[in-house]
Every structure is written in C-alpha cells, then in structure tokens.
Protein backbone atom coordinates (compact mmCIF):
# COMPACT_ATOMS: atom_id res chain seq x y z
CA UNK A 1 160.66 -34.36 -21.44
CA UNK A 2 162.25 -30.51 -21.08
CA UNK A 3 164.42 -31.58 -24.25
CA UNK A 4 161.91 -33.92 -26.07
CA UNK A 5 159.59 -30.64 -26.10
CA UNK A 6 162.98 -28.80 -27.24
CA UNK A 7 163.82 -30.67 -30.09
CA UNK A 8 160.05 -30.57 -31.28
CA UNK A 9 160.48 -26.77 -31.19
CA UNK A 10 163.31 -26.47 -32.72
CA UNK A 11 162.16 -28.83 -35.34
CA UNK A 12 159.06 -26.34 -35.76
CA UNK A 13 160.64 -23.15 -36.30
CA UNK A 14 162.54 -24.44 -39.91
CA UNK A 15 158.89 -25.73 -40.51
CA UNK A 16 156.51 -23.17 -43.17
CA UNK A 17 154.59 -21.04 -41.93
CA UNK A 18 150.80 -22.36 -41.66
CA UNK A 19 152.20 -26.00 -41.89
CA UNK A 20 149.80 -28.87 -39.80
CA UNK A 21 152.36 -30.67 -36.99
CA UNK A 22 150.82 -33.91 -35.84
CA UNK A 23 152.80 -36.34 -33.03
CA UNK A 24 153.62 -38.45 -35.99
CA UNK A 25 156.08 -36.31 -37.91
CA UNK A 26 158.37 -36.42 -34.42
CA UNK A 27 158.02 -40.01 -33.32
CA UNK A 28 161.56 -40.27 -33.67
CA UNK A 29 162.29 -38.13 -31.23
CA UNK A 30 160.20 -39.96 -28.33
CA UNK A 31 156.94 -42.04 -28.17
CA UNK A 32 153.66 -41.14 -29.32
CA UNK A 33 152.70 -40.37 -25.61
CA UNK A 34 155.90 -38.16 -24.93
CA UNK A 35 155.54 -35.97 -28.02
CA UNK A 36 151.34 -35.52 -27.98
CA UNK A 37 152.47 -34.18 -24.20
CA UNK A 38 155.39 -32.06 -25.68
CA UNK A 39 153.01 -30.45 -28.44
CA UNK A 40 150.27 -30.20 -25.87
CA UNK A 41 153.14 -28.08 -23.76
CA UNK A 42 154.00 -26.36 -26.64
CA UNK A 43 150.48 -25.31 -27.85
CA UNK A 44 149.25 -23.95 -24.30
CA UNK A 45 152.97 -21.99 -24.45
CA UNK A 46 151.92 -20.19 -27.27
CA UNK A 47 154.90 -21.71 -29.95
CA UNK A 48 152.45 -24.06 -32.21
CA UNK A 49 148.59 -23.19 -32.55
CA UNK A 50 145.81 -25.78 -31.90
CA UNK A 51 143.72 -26.81 -35.30
CA UNK A 52 141.63 -29.94 -34.09
CA UNK A 53 142.42 -32.99 -32.05
CA UNK A 54 145.89 -34.19 -32.37
CA UNK A 55 146.93 -31.28 -34.67
CA UNK A 56 148.37 -28.45 -34.52
CA UNK A 57 149.84 -25.73 -36.71
CA UNK A 58 152.98 -23.48 -36.97
CA UNK A 59 151.47 -19.86 -36.68
CA UNK A 60 152.49 -16.93 -39.04
CA UNK A 61 155.32 -14.30 -37.21
CA UNK A 62 154.61 -10.61 -38.51
CA UNK A 63 155.06 -7.32 -36.98
CA UNK A 64 151.79 -8.26 -35.11
CA UNK A 65 152.98 -11.26 -33.15
CA UNK A 66 151.59 -14.44 -33.79
CA UNK A 67 148.52 -15.55 -35.32
CA UNK A 68 146.61 -17.95 -37.31
CA UNK A 69 147.49 -18.61 -41.56
CA UNK A 70 145.02 -17.23 -43.64
CA UNK A 71 143.14 -20.79 -44.65
CA UNK A 72 144.24 -20.73 -48.34
CA UNK A 73 148.03 -20.61 -46.82
CA UNK A 74 146.73 -23.56 -44.40
CA UNK A 75 145.24 -25.55 -47.10
CA UNK A 76 147.80 -25.40 -49.58
CA UNK A 77 150.49 -26.60 -46.56
CA UNK A 78 147.92 -29.48 -45.75
CA UNK A 79 147.80 -30.75 -49.27
CA UNK A 80 150.82 -30.88 -49.94
CA UNK A 81 152.17 -32.51 -46.72
CA UNK A 82 149.11 -35.19 -47.19
CA UNK A 83 148.66 -35.60 -50.82
CA UNK A 84 145.18 -35.08 -50.51
CA UNK A 85 142.94 -33.26 -53.06
CA UNK A 86 141.67 -30.22 -51.36
CA UNK A 87 139.84 -27.05 -53.18
CA UNK A 88 137.80 -24.41 -52.84
CA UNK A 89 133.67 -26.00 -53.01
CA UNK A 90 131.55 -25.29 -55.16
CA UNK A 91 129.69 -22.02 -54.30
CA UNK A 92 132.73 -20.07 -53.89
CA UNK A 93 133.93 -21.08 -57.44
CA UNK A 94 130.90 -19.68 -58.25
CA UNK A 95 131.28 -16.33 -57.25
CA UNK A 96 135.00 -16.50 -58.22
CA UNK A 97 133.70 -16.56 -61.99
CA UNK A 98 130.38 -14.26 -61.90
CA UNK A 99 128.10 -16.52 -61.57
CA UNK A 100 126.24 -15.20 -58.60
CA UNK A 101 126.50 -12.57 -56.18
CA UNK A 102 125.97 -14.24 -53.08
CA UNK A 103 129.18 -14.46 -50.95
CA UNK A 104 129.57 -17.78 -49.28
CA UNK A 105 129.35 -17.55 -45.17
CA UNK A 106 131.62 -20.27 -44.34
CA UNK A 107 135.15 -21.31 -45.28
CA UNK A 108 134.47 -24.85 -46.94
CA UNK A 109 136.58 -26.80 -48.99
CA UNK A 110 135.95 -30.30 -50.58
CA UNK A 111 137.99 -33.55 -50.35
CA UNK A 112 137.87 -36.94 -51.33
CA UNK A 113 139.08 -37.54 -47.62
CA UNK A 114 136.97 -37.61 -44.46
CA UNK A 115 134.61 -34.78 -43.60
CA UNK A 116 136.28 -32.74 -40.98
CA UNK A 117 137.06 -29.40 -39.67
CA UNK A 118 140.01 -27.03 -38.32
CA UNK A 119 140.22 -23.81 -35.82
CA UNK A 120 142.28 -21.17 -37.22
CA UNK A 121 142.08 -19.09 -34.88
CA UNK A 122 138.15 -17.46 -34.87
CA UNK A 123 137.91 -18.67 -38.18
CA UNK A 124 136.43 -22.50 -38.38
CA UNK A 125 137.85 -24.22 -41.65
CA UNK A 126 135.34 -27.02 -43.02
CA UNK A 127 136.44 -30.25 -45.15
CA UNK A 128 133.52 -31.60 -46.69
CA UNK A 129 134.09 -35.13 -48.40
CA UNK A 130 132.12 -35.13 -51.91
CA UNK A 131 132.75 -37.61 -55.16
CA UNK A 132 135.89 -37.79 -56.41
CA UNK A 133 134.43 -36.42 -59.73
CA UNK A 134 134.24 -32.82 -58.46
CA UNK A 135 137.72 -32.80 -57.77
CA UNK A 136 138.94 -33.47 -61.04
CA UNK A 137 141.16 -31.04 -62.07
CA UNK A 138 141.81 -30.22 -58.67
CA UNK A 139 144.77 -28.28 -58.77
CA UNK A 140 144.38 -26.31 -62.56
CA UNK A 141 142.13 -23.89 -63.81
CA UNK A 142 139.80 -26.10 -65.27
CA UNK A 143 138.94 -27.49 -61.89
CA UNK A 144 137.29 -24.29 -60.38
CA UNK A 145 134.50 -24.89 -63.75
CA UNK A 146 134.13 -28.02 -62.22
CA UNK A 147 133.44 -27.34 -58.88
CA UNK A 148 130.76 -24.85 -60.18
CA UNK A 149 129.08 -27.36 -62.54
CA UNK A 150 128.58 -29.45 -59.88
CA UNK A 151 127.10 -26.01 -57.86
CA UNK A 152 125.45 -25.46 -60.47
CA UNK A 153 123.85 -29.74 -60.74
CA UNK A 154 121.50 -31.43 -63.19
CA UNK A 155 118.80 -28.89 -63.84
CA UNK A 156 121.19 -25.56 -64.17
CA UNK A 157 124.60 -27.19 -65.39
CA UNK A 158 123.74 -26.56 -69.08
CA UNK A 159 122.67 -22.54 -68.41
CA UNK A 160 125.72 -22.12 -65.95
CA UNK A 161 128.16 -23.92 -68.58
CA UNK A 162 127.00 -21.18 -71.58
CA UNK A 163 127.46 -18.29 -69.37
CA UNK A 164 130.91 -20.25 -68.39
CA UNK A 165 131.64 -20.63 -71.26
CA UNK A 166 131.60 -16.61 -72.20
CA UNK A 167 133.68 -15.93 -69.60
CA UNK A 168 136.50 -19.01 -70.04
CA UNK A 169 138.89 -19.32 -72.94
CA UNK A 170 137.99 -21.85 -75.26
CA UNK A 171 140.82 -24.32 -74.35
CA UNK A 172 139.62 -24.47 -70.74
CA UNK A 173 135.88 -25.96 -71.68
CA UNK A 174 138.00 -28.61 -74.02
CA UNK A 175 139.90 -29.54 -71.08
CA UNK A 176 137.17 -30.51 -69.40
CA UNK A 177 135.64 -32.17 -72.77
CA UNK A 178 138.95 -34.11 -72.51
CA UNK A 179 137.92 -35.66 -68.86
CA UNK A 180 133.89 -36.00 -69.87
CA UNK A 181 134.06 -39.56 -68.99
CA UNK A 182 134.80 -38.87 -65.58
CA UNK A 183 131.36 -36.97 -65.08
CA UNK A 184 128.54 -37.74 -64.26
CA UNK A 185 125.68 -38.43 -67.29
CA UNK A 186 123.88 -34.96 -66.88
CA UNK A 187 127.36 -33.13 -67.02
CA UNK A 188 128.33 -35.26 -69.72
CA UNK A 189 124.98 -34.28 -71.96
CA UNK A 190 126.00 -30.17 -71.20
CA UNK A 191 129.11 -30.87 -72.20
CA UNK A 192 128.25 -32.37 -75.26
CA UNK A 193 125.42 -30.01 -76.17
CA UNK A 194 128.10 -26.66 -75.87
CA UNK A 195 129.76 -28.02 -78.79
CA UNK A 196 132.69 -30.42 -79.67
CA UNK A 197 136.03 -28.73 -80.00
CA UNK A 198 137.10 -27.86 -83.40
CA UNK A 199 139.79 -29.74 -85.41
CA UNK A 200 142.47 -28.30 -86.09
CA UNK A 201 143.82 -28.01 -89.63
CA UNK A 202 147.14 -28.96 -91.10
CA UNK A 203 148.11 -25.04 -91.24
CA UNK A 204 147.21 -25.24 -87.79
CA UNK A 205 144.19 -23.32 -87.70
CA UNK A 206 140.80 -23.88 -86.68
CA UNK A 207 138.78 -25.76 -88.84
CA UNK A 208 134.91 -23.89 -88.44
CA UNK A 209 131.86 -26.93 -88.73
CA UNK A 210 129.74 -27.33 -92.06
CA UNK A 211 127.11 -25.45 -90.73
CA UNK A 212 129.10 -21.87 -89.84
CA UNK A 213 131.16 -22.46 -92.87
CA UNK A 214 127.76 -21.89 -95.03
CA UNK A 215 126.40 -19.17 -92.57
CA UNK A 216 129.91 -17.03 -93.50
CA UNK A 217 129.32 -17.78 -97.02
CA UNK A 218 128.12 -14.55 -99.16
CA UNK A 219 124.04 -14.97 -99.98
CA UNK A 220 123.08 -15.43 -103.67
CA UNK A 221 120.81 -12.72 -105.00
CA UNK A 222 117.48 -14.07 -106.15
CA UNK A 223 116.98 -14.07 -109.75
C-alpha cells in the first residue's frame, strides 16, 4: 500500500497544477480499490485536494503553500483531459461583453455533458448541461457571443445582437452567420435581420449593397 501510494504521488507531481485526478489514471499501478484508497490517503495528507466523489486535484503550489487552483485553470485542465466542451455560462459572457452590469454570484460553466459540481477550496464550481448549440465555437472568441445570445433568449436576441455588433469586429458576426444552421430558429432570424455580410469584390474590397450605394450617391439639385 505504501509503495503504491508513493508511486501515485510521484506520478501526480509531474502533472499540471489544477489537473483533475481520478483512479482510472493509475490502474496500471494497481487495482481500482487499492488505487482509490491510496488517493484518499494522499488527500488526507494534503498532497492532493478532493474536488468531488472520486475526483481529486493537483494543488497549486506557491509561497503561501498548497491551495486549490483558480476555477478557469481547473476548467481548462478538465476540458483538455476529457475532451469535453466546457465554457463560461451566458450571464458571465454577457457581463464580460458589457451587456449587463450584473456580476454572476456563482461560478457556472456550460457543458454538453452531465450536470455536476466540484469543490475548489471554498469555491463550488457548477457545470450545467445545455443543448449543443449553446457551445458552438465554445473555444473561440465568437463562442462567447453565442452564449451571450443564449442568455438573452428569443425575446431580446435581436436587441442584444445589435448591441454586440457595435462592440465586436464584423468578422465575428459573419462567423455566427456561417454557423446559423446550428442555432434555433429565433437566433437564425436575429442573425438574418442584422444583415448579410458584404461580398468580396474582385479587388479584394467589400462591396456595398444597392441601398447603401444609393445613399452614398450625391443628390441632384431640383430644377
């Protein structure tokens, strides 16, 4: 038992800070029951931190000692390890974009996986199951816009999308329009209402629409 615990501790010391740790990763060292007992012993000794049933963390080590990782670090490691799409929920995205001044009280992330929670020291991180479309482009900047629009909902989507369009590059809106088929009808309608991206001309410039071209023409003086 002591040899197994030592071997697991050595392996953990090579893992990134904040990385989730489960018995499955050490089954090459012993059977599941023995590995689980070794992990519980390491948690009791402060070598690792318990985040949930059967899930532990490699702590962050600083001059202040060992402590739980920041939520974003843990989520990044969890997503990288599991291959699961995990991203800040809609209200957090809306706040980051300046669409609302309300700061989320809880640390919530959206995922297509099961709903669950993790304890990071005194902080509880919640993972909430949502439909796949809310996590389109989840690991790219435009994905934040998708989640903010999901937060807005059908009633406010058009208004919020216009606000977003004033804050972000045009390319970000075009990216959403290119993925419109993945979204619910109400969001497709909002993306259509805000206008289609301008087509590239042979000179590599953006062509303006007929209505815009007419507006830019000088008015003739009345005779």
